[in-house]
Amino acid sequence: MPTPDDAPSWPALRLRAAEFGDVQRLRIALNNRHGRAVALAEAKGHPELGALVTEAVPFYEMMASLEDLARRNLRTAYRAVVPAPLRAWQAATLGAGEHLTALLLGSTGHPGIAVPLDKDGAPTGDPYHRDLRDWWAYCGHGAPLRRRTGMTEDDARAMGAPTPKRTTHLLAEGAIKARNPDLRALYDARRARTAVTHDDWTPGHSHADALRLVGKEMLRGIWRAAQADLAAGTVLLAA
């Protein structure tokens, strides 16, 4: 067994998740800029701009390769850092892809252990056990709140961190698209219920509400797997 001094730790996964997010956002921004330049060249007939766009193709291909490398690095860190019970949950949950699970855990740390961090990711306090409600809230799936002027700091925190919230939504979408039988049944039952209790909702509103419930159930599964890891006493109390 590795010792806490030489074992891969959660900060390594956090770093790889942050790297992937940075590279992906840059690649998307550059591709959008490229698309606007192509449209302008075609609409306005700017041959010089069209030539520049053509010359830039290898650059955009390089960005795609860099994103792929960041994705592979994230998965490598996930396999080295994340304990077996959590990886077993992912492997057994139809629609829960390894990449998204790695991205989620890289942005949250161990589901059962919270580590206060500053804006640069440095620990600012002692680790403490995170209960299920805290885990839901951090991932943006606690009690529903709408952002408003004059919100307290506690209210803003209860809305969840952006990356875990977005990634949980994508995990839920993946489970529904993969037709995970249990989660699909939960989704369908929720939509059938709100069709009666909220008949003023649009289909999009109903879909988002049901996806939120699916995401919350997936987070419950991840948190329970984390409790098994804590019970085994193998977790490293790291950010």
Protein backbone atom coordinates (compact mmCIF):
# COMPACT_ATOMS: atom_id res chain seq x y z
CA MET A 1 0.00 0.00 0.00
CA PRO A 2 1.36 3.49 -0.80
CA THR A 3 2.00 5.79 2.12
CA PRO A 4 0.40 9.26 2.34
CA ASP A 5 3.79 10.73 1.35
CA ASP A 6 4.12 8.91 -1.96
CA ALA A 7 0.53 8.04 -2.94
CA PRO A 8 -1.16 9.97 -5.76
CA SER A 9 -3.39 12.54 -4.07
CA TRP A 10 -6.57 14.47 -4.75
CA PRO A 11 -4.71 17.71 -5.60
CA ALA A 12 -3.26 15.88 -8.62
CA LEU A 13 -6.77 15.09 -9.86
CA ARG A 14 -7.90 18.65 -9.15
CA LEU A 15 -4.98 19.97 -11.22
CA ARG A 16 -5.74 17.69 -14.17
CA ALA A 17 -9.43 18.63 -14.07
CA ALA A 18 -8.56 22.34 -14.03
CA GLU A 19 -6.12 21.86 -16.91
CA PHE A 20 -8.76 20.11 -18.98
CA GLY A 21 -11.31 22.84 -18.27
CA ASP A 22 -8.86 25.58 -19.25
CA VAL A 23 -7.86 23.86 -22.50
CA GLN A 24 -11.45 23.05 -23.45
CA ARG A 25 -12.64 26.62 -22.87
CA LEU A 26 -9.75 27.98 -24.94
CA ARG A 27 -10.39 25.50 -27.76
CA ILE A 28 -14.11 26.41 -27.85
CA ALA A 29 -13.36 30.15 -27.83
CA LEU A 30 -10.86 29.80 -30.67
CA ASN A 31 -13.20 27.59 -32.70
CA ASN A 32 -15.97 30.16 -32.29
CA ARG A 33 -13.61 32.89 -33.47
CA HIS A 34 -12.61 30.69 -36.40
CA GLY A 35 -16.26 30.12 -37.30
CA ARG A 36 -17.04 33.84 -37.25
CA ALA A 37 -14.02 34.54 -39.47
CA VAL A 38 -15.16 31.89 -41.98
CA ALA A 39 -18.68 33.34 -42.04
CA LEU A 40 -17.32 36.86 -42.55
CA ALA A 41 -15.00 35.75 -45.33
CA GLU A 42 -17.88 34.01 -47.12
CA ALA A 43 -20.42 36.78 -46.59
CA LYS A 44 -18.21 39.76 -47.38
CA GLY A 45 -15.84 38.13 -49.85
CA HIS A 46 -12.62 38.90 -48.00
CA PRO A 47 -10.08 36.69 -49.79
CA GLU A 48 -7.25 37.71 -47.45
CA LEU A 49 -9.30 36.64 -44.42
CA GLY A 50 -10.19 33.38 -46.10
CA ALA A 51 -6.49 32.70 -46.69
CA LEU A 52 -5.69 33.38 -43.04
CA VAL A 53 -8.44 31.01 -41.95
CA THR A 54 -7.04 28.28 -44.18
CA GLU A 55 -3.54 28.82 -42.84
CA ALA A 56 -4.85 28.55 -39.26
CA VAL A 57 -6.35 25.07 -39.70
CA PRO A 58 -3.25 23.25 -38.34
CA PHE A 59 -3.38 25.51 -35.29
CA TYR A 60 -6.98 24.57 -34.52
CA GLU A 61 -6.14 20.90 -35.07
CA MET A 62 -3.30 21.30 -32.57
CA MET A 63 -5.76 22.72 -30.03
CA ALA A 64 -8.00 19.68 -30.48
CA SER A 65 -4.99 17.42 -29.91
CA LEU A 66 -4.08 19.36 -26.77
CA GLU A 67 -7.60 18.92 -25.43
CA ASP A 68 -7.38 15.20 -26.12
CA LEU A 69 -4.08 15.04 -24.21
CA ALA A 70 -5.63 16.90 -21.27
CA ARG A 71 -8.54 14.43 -21.31
CA ARG A 72 -6.16 11.46 -21.23
CA ASN A 73 -4.17 13.03 -18.39
CA LEU A 74 -7.38 13.54 -16.42
CA ARG A 75 -8.39 9.91 -16.84
CA THR A 76 -4.92 8.72 -15.83
CA ALA A 77 -5.10 10.79 -12.64
CA TYR A 78 -8.63 9.53 -11.96
CA ARG A 79 -7.51 5.91 -12.11
CA ALA A 80 -4.51 6.62 -9.86
CA VAL A 81 -6.24 8.80 -7.27
CA VAL A 82 -9.91 7.85 -6.95
CA PRO A 83 -10.55 4.95 -4.53
CA ALA A 84 -11.93 1.63 -5.75
CA PRO A 85 -15.49 2.03 -4.36
CA LEU A 86 -15.98 5.25 -6.32
CA ARG A 87 -14.55 3.81 -9.53
CA ALA A 88 -16.75 0.74 -9.05
CA TRP A 89 -19.83 2.98 -8.83
CA GLN A 90 -18.89 4.63 -12.11
CA ALA A 91 -18.22 1.34 -13.89
CA ALA A 92 -21.53 -0.13 -12.68
CA THR A 93 -23.67 2.92 -13.52
CA LEU A 94 -24.84 2.88 -17.11
CA GLY A 95 -24.32 6.30 -18.67
CA ALA A 96 -21.85 7.55 -16.06
CA GLY A 97 -18.80 8.04 -18.23
CA GLU A 98 -15.31 7.87 -16.77
CA HIS A 99 -14.37 11.29 -18.15
CA LEU A 100 -17.32 13.15 -16.62
CA THR A 101 -16.96 11.31 -13.31
CA ALA A 102 -13.28 12.27 -13.26
CA LEU A 103 -14.15 15.87 -14.05
CA LEU A 104 -16.76 15.95 -11.28
CA LEU A 105 -14.47 14.48 -8.64
CA GLY A 106 -11.58 16.63 -9.81
CA SER A 107 -13.69 19.71 -9.13
CA THR A 108 -15.06 18.53 -5.76
CA GLY A 109 -12.41 16.40 -4.11
CA HIS A 110 -13.44 13.34 -2.11
CA PRO A 111 -17.26 13.38 -1.79
CA GLY A 112 -17.11 12.51 1.89
CA ILE A 113 -14.35 14.96 2.85
CA ALA A 114 -14.53 18.73 2.43
CA VAL A 115 -11.34 20.79 2.41
CA PRO A 116 -11.73 24.58 2.60
CA LEU A 117 -9.74 26.17 -0.24
CA ASP A 118 -8.92 29.70 -1.27
CA LYS A 119 -9.37 31.02 -4.82
CA ASP A 120 -5.98 29.60 -5.80
CA GLY A 121 -6.81 26.12 -4.51
CA ALA A 122 -4.68 26.28 -1.38
CA PRO A 123 -6.17 24.76 1.82
CA THR A 124 -7.41 27.38 4.28
CA GLY A 125 -8.67 25.09 7.04
CA ASP A 126 -8.82 21.55 8.36
CA PRO A 127 -10.66 18.83 6.37
CA TYR A 128 -14.06 17.80 7.73
CA HIS A 129 -16.62 15.14 6.92
CA ARG A 130 -19.18 16.19 4.31
CA ASP A 131 -22.70 14.84 4.76
CA LEU A 132 -25.06 14.11 1.89
CA ARG A 133 -26.84 17.47 2.10
CA ASP A 134 -23.51 19.31 1.99
CA TRP A 135 -22.47 17.22 -1.01
CA TRP A 136 -25.72 17.94 -2.84
CA ALA A 137 -25.44 21.65 -2.07
CA TYR A 138 -21.82 21.90 -3.24
CA CYS A 139 -22.80 20.22 -6.53
CA GLY A 140 -25.70 22.65 -7.01
CA HIS A 141 -28.40 20.09 -6.23
CA GLY A 142 -29.46 21.18 -2.76
CA ALA A 143 -32.60 23.15 -2.00
CA PRO A 144 -33.47 25.06 -5.21
CA LEU A 145 -32.56 28.75 -5.06
CA ARG A 146 -32.57 31.46 -7.68
CA ARG A 147 -29.76 33.99 -7.84
CA ARG A 148 -31.01 37.42 -6.83
CA THR A 149 -29.69 40.81 -5.80
CA GLY A 150 -28.82 40.99 -2.15
CA MET A 151 -28.31 37.25 -1.64
CA THR A 152 -26.36 36.32 1.48
CA GLU A 153 -23.04 34.52 1.15
CA ASP A 154 -24.65 31.36 2.54
CA ASP A 155 -27.43 31.54 -0.06
CA ALA A 156 -24.91 31.97 -2.89
CA ARG A 157 -22.85 29.04 -1.58
CA ALA A 158 -25.98 26.88 -1.41
CA MET A 159 -26.46 27.31 -5.17
CA GLY A 160 -23.34 25.20 -5.67
CA ALA A 161 -20.03 25.49 -7.49
CA PRO A 162 -20.47 25.95 -11.27
CA THR A 163 -18.31 23.06 -12.54
CA PRO A 164 -19.78 20.32 -10.29
CA LYS A 165 -23.29 21.56 -11.02
CA ARG A 166 -22.75 21.56 -14.79
CA THR A 167 -20.95 18.21 -14.74
CA THR A 168 -23.70 16.56 -12.69
CA HIS A 169 -26.21 17.78 -15.26
CA LEU A 170 -24.13 16.21 -18.05
CA LEU A 171 -23.87 12.94 -16.09
CA ALA A 172 -27.66 12.88 -15.72
CA GLU A 173 -28.09 13.52 -19.45
CA GLY A 174 -25.68 10.67 -20.18
CA ALA A 175 -27.62 8.26 -17.99
CA ILE A 176 -30.91 9.12 -19.69
CA LYS A 177 -29.43 8.89 -23.19
CA ALA A 178 -27.91 5.52 -22.29
CA ARG A 179 -31.35 4.43 -21.02
CA ASN A 180 -30.10 3.49 -17.57
CA PRO A 181 -33.18 1.49 -16.44
CA ASP A 182 -33.41 2.72 -12.84
CA LEU A 183 -32.58 6.34 -13.58
CA ARG A 184 -34.80 6.39 -16.67
CA ALA A 185 -37.70 5.10 -14.55
CA LEU A 186 -37.03 7.88 -12.03
CA TYR A 187 -36.95 10.44 -14.85
CA ASP A 188 -40.18 9.20 -16.44
CA ALA A 189 -42.02 9.03 -13.12
CA ARG A 190 -40.98 12.58 -12.28
CA ARG A 191 -42.19 13.92 -15.62
CA ALA A 192 -45.48 12.07 -15.30
CA ARG A 193 -45.98 13.56 -11.85
CA THR A 194 -45.14 17.16 -12.79
CA ALA A 195 -47.40 16.89 -15.86
CA VAL A 196 -50.22 16.78 -13.29
CA THR A 197 -48.86 18.95 -10.49
CA HIS A 198 -47.30 21.61 -12.75
CA ASP A 199 -49.37 21.58 -15.93
CA ASP A 200 -48.19 25.13 -16.68
CA TRP A 201 -44.60 23.99 -17.16
CA THR A 202 -43.07 23.85 -20.62
CA PRO A 203 -41.59 20.53 -21.81
CA GLY A 204 -38.14 22.05 -21.34
CA HIS A 205 -38.90 22.99 -17.74
CA SER A 206 -40.24 19.51 -17.03
CA HIS A 207 -37.17 17.90 -18.63
CA ALA A 208 -34.75 20.05 -16.62
CA ASP A 209 -36.58 19.30 -13.39
CA ALA A 210 -36.47 15.55 -14.00
CA LEU A 211 -32.79 15.69 -14.98
CA ARG A 212 -32.06 17.49 -11.72
CA LEU A 213 -33.70 14.64 -9.80
CA VAL A 214 -31.64 12.08 -11.75
CA GLY A 215 -28.47 14.06 -11.06
CA LYS A 216 -29.31 14.18 -7.38
CA GLU A 217 -29.76 10.40 -7.30
CA MET A 218 -26.41 9.90 -9.04
CA LEU A 219 -24.75 12.18 -6.50
CA ARG A 220 -26.33 10.07 -3.76
CA GLY A 221 -24.74 6.96 -5.30
CA ILE A 222 -21.33 8.63 -5.48
CA TRP A 223 -21.58 9.83 -1.87
CA ARG A 224 -22.55 6.37 -0.64
CA ALA A 225 -19.57 4.88 -2.45
CA ALA A 226 -17.42 7.50 -0.73
CA GLN A 227 -18.74 6.36 2.65
CA ALA A 228 -17.57 2.83 1.87
CA ASP A 229 -14.12 4.24 1.18
CA LEU A 230 -14.13 6.20 4.44
CA ALA A 231 -15.19 3.08 6.34
CA ALA A 232 -12.23 1.21 4.83
CA GLY A 233 -9.91 3.92 6.17
CA THR A 234 -7.97 4.37 2.91
CA VAL A 235 -8.83 7.97 2.08
CA LEU A 236 -6.07 10.59 2.16
CA LEU A 237 -7.27 13.83 3.75
CA ALA A 238 -6.07 16.03 0.91
CA ALA A 239 -7.69 18.81 -1.08
